[in-house]
Amino acid sequence: MVKNSRKSMVKNSRKSMVKNPRIPILPQKEKEENKGSVEFQICSFTNRIDKLDSHFKLHKKDLLSERGLQKIVGKRQRLLAYLLKKDPIRYKELINKLNIRETEPETS
């Protein structure tokens, strides 16, 4: 009897999983040509971060995935710092498209 209630809870939790629609930031042609570009990598990291964020709404005690999330966020931060240093204009355009920063760091 306990097993049946457990199965129904698992089914209900699976139904409540919310899929976040990914908004394509880069045009499809540009994605196919330029998968190694900084913009593409930052966009893919942002999509993975959003996906993990929705995962944590259901699985609050998943510490291993949380560590993976921290590593992805660190990689994205390093890429954003690199882009800011190399080309501040492209950095500002990407930040506005992705809407991931509330305040922009000052350029030196």
Protein backbone atom coordinates (compact mmCIF):
# COMPACT_ATOMS: atom_id res chain seq x y z
CA MET A 1 0.00 0.00 0.00
CA VAL A 2 2.89 2.33 0.73
CA LYS A 3 4.49 1.47 -2.60
CA ASN A 4 1.42 2.57 -4.55
CA SER A 5 1.39 5.98 -2.92
CA ARG A 6 5.13 6.32 -3.62
CA LYS A 7 4.58 5.53 -7.31
CA SER A 8 1.82 8.07 -7.59
CA MET A 9 4.04 10.72 -5.96
CA VAL A 10 6.81 10.00 -8.47
CA LYS A 11 4.37 10.22 -11.38
CA ASN A 12 2.98 13.51 -10.09
CA SER A 13 6.43 15.00 -9.61
CA ARG A 14 7.39 14.03 -13.16
CA LYS A 15 4.29 15.69 -14.52
CA SER A 16 5.10 18.88 -12.67
CA MET A 17 8.53 19.21 -14.27
CA VAL A 18 8.59 22.44 -16.18
CA LYS A 19 10.54 22.68 -19.40
CA ASN A 20 11.95 26.10 -20.00
CA PRO A 21 11.79 27.03 -23.65
CA ARG A 22 15.21 28.02 -24.90
CA ILE A 23 15.23 31.23 -26.85
CA PRO A 24 17.69 30.97 -29.72
CA ILE A 25 19.99 33.95 -29.42
CA LEU A 26 22.16 33.23 -32.43
CA PRO A 27 20.72 32.59 -35.90
CA GLN A 28 20.77 28.92 -37.00
CA LYS A 29 23.27 29.57 -39.81
CA GLU A 30 25.66 31.29 -37.41
CA LYS A 31 25.35 28.40 -34.94
CA GLU A 32 26.38 25.85 -37.55
CA GLU A 33 29.34 27.90 -38.73
CA ASN A 34 30.68 29.16 -35.43
CA LYS A 35 30.29 26.59 -32.64
CA GLY A 36 33.64 27.57 -31.16
CA SER A 37 32.88 31.26 -30.83
CA VAL A 38 32.75 32.85 -27.41
CA GLU A 39 29.15 33.94 -27.94
CA PHE A 40 28.01 30.44 -28.83
CA GLN A 41 29.76 28.94 -25.80
CA ILE A 42 28.26 31.54 -23.45
CA CYS A 43 24.78 30.93 -24.91
CA SER A 44 25.12 27.16 -24.50
CA PHE A 45 26.36 27.57 -20.91
CA THR A 46 23.42 29.89 -20.19
CA ASN A 47 20.96 27.30 -21.55
CA ARG A 48 22.56 24.59 -19.41
CA ILE A 49 22.41 26.85 -16.35
CA ASP A 50 18.70 27.52 -16.96
CA LYS A 51 18.06 23.80 -17.37
CA LEU A 52 19.86 22.98 -14.11
CA ASP A 53 18.02 25.78 -12.35
CA SER A 54 14.67 24.22 -13.22
CA HIS A 55 16.08 20.83 -12.13
CA PHE A 56 16.90 22.23 -8.68
CA LYS A 57 13.33 23.40 -8.19
CA LEU A 58 12.36 19.73 -7.99
CA HIS A 59 15.54 18.20 -6.55
CA LYS A 60 16.71 20.53 -3.81
CA LYS A 61 19.23 18.11 -2.28
CA ASP A 62 21.09 17.21 -5.47
CA LEU A 63 24.53 18.38 -4.39
CA LEU A 64 26.50 16.75 -7.19
CA SER A 65 24.55 18.60 -9.85
CA GLU A 66 24.95 21.77 -7.83
CA ARG A 67 28.71 21.40 -8.05
CA GLY A 68 28.41 20.94 -11.82
CA LEU A 69 26.32 24.10 -11.96
CA GLN A 70 29.01 26.03 -10.09
CA LYS A 71 31.64 24.82 -12.56
CA ILE A 72 29.51 25.89 -15.53
CA VAL A 73 28.87 29.31 -13.97
CA GLY A 74 32.62 29.72 -13.40
CA LYS A 75 33.40 28.86 -17.02
CA ARG A 76 30.78 31.33 -18.23
CA GLN A 77 32.21 34.04 -15.96
CA ARG A 78 35.70 33.49 -17.34
CA LEU A 79 34.44 33.64 -20.92
CA LEU A 80 32.49 36.82 -20.19
CA ALA A 81 35.59 38.40 -18.62
CA TYR A 82 37.61 37.43 -21.70
CA LEU A 83 35.00 38.89 -24.04
CA LEU A 84 34.82 42.10 -22.00
CA LYS A 85 38.58 42.48 -22.22
CA LYS A 86 38.82 41.72 -25.96
CA ASP A 87 35.67 43.37 -27.32
CA PRO A 88 33.46 45.39 -24.93
CA ILE A 89 30.90 46.15 -27.64
CA ARG A 90 30.23 42.47 -28.37
CA TYR A 91 30.12 41.86 -24.61
CA LYS A 92 27.42 44.49 -24.05
CA GLU A 93 25.36 43.20 -26.99
CA LEU A 94 25.51 39.63 -25.68
CA ILE A 95 24.64 40.66 -22.12
CA ASN A 96 21.61 42.55 -23.40
CA LYS A 97 20.47 39.62 -25.56
CA LEU A 98 20.86 37.04 -22.79
CA ASN A 99 19.69 39.37 -20.02
CA ILE A 100 22.07 37.80 -17.49
CA ARG A 101 23.65 40.82 -15.78
CA GLU A 102 21.88 43.45 -13.79
CA THR A 103 24.87 45.74 -13.46
CA GLU A 104 27.70 45.84 -15.93
CA PRO A 105 31.28 45.84 -14.67
CA GLU A 106 33.37 48.84 -15.56
CA THR A 107 35.86 48.49 -18.39
CA SER A 108 39.46 49.42 -17.64
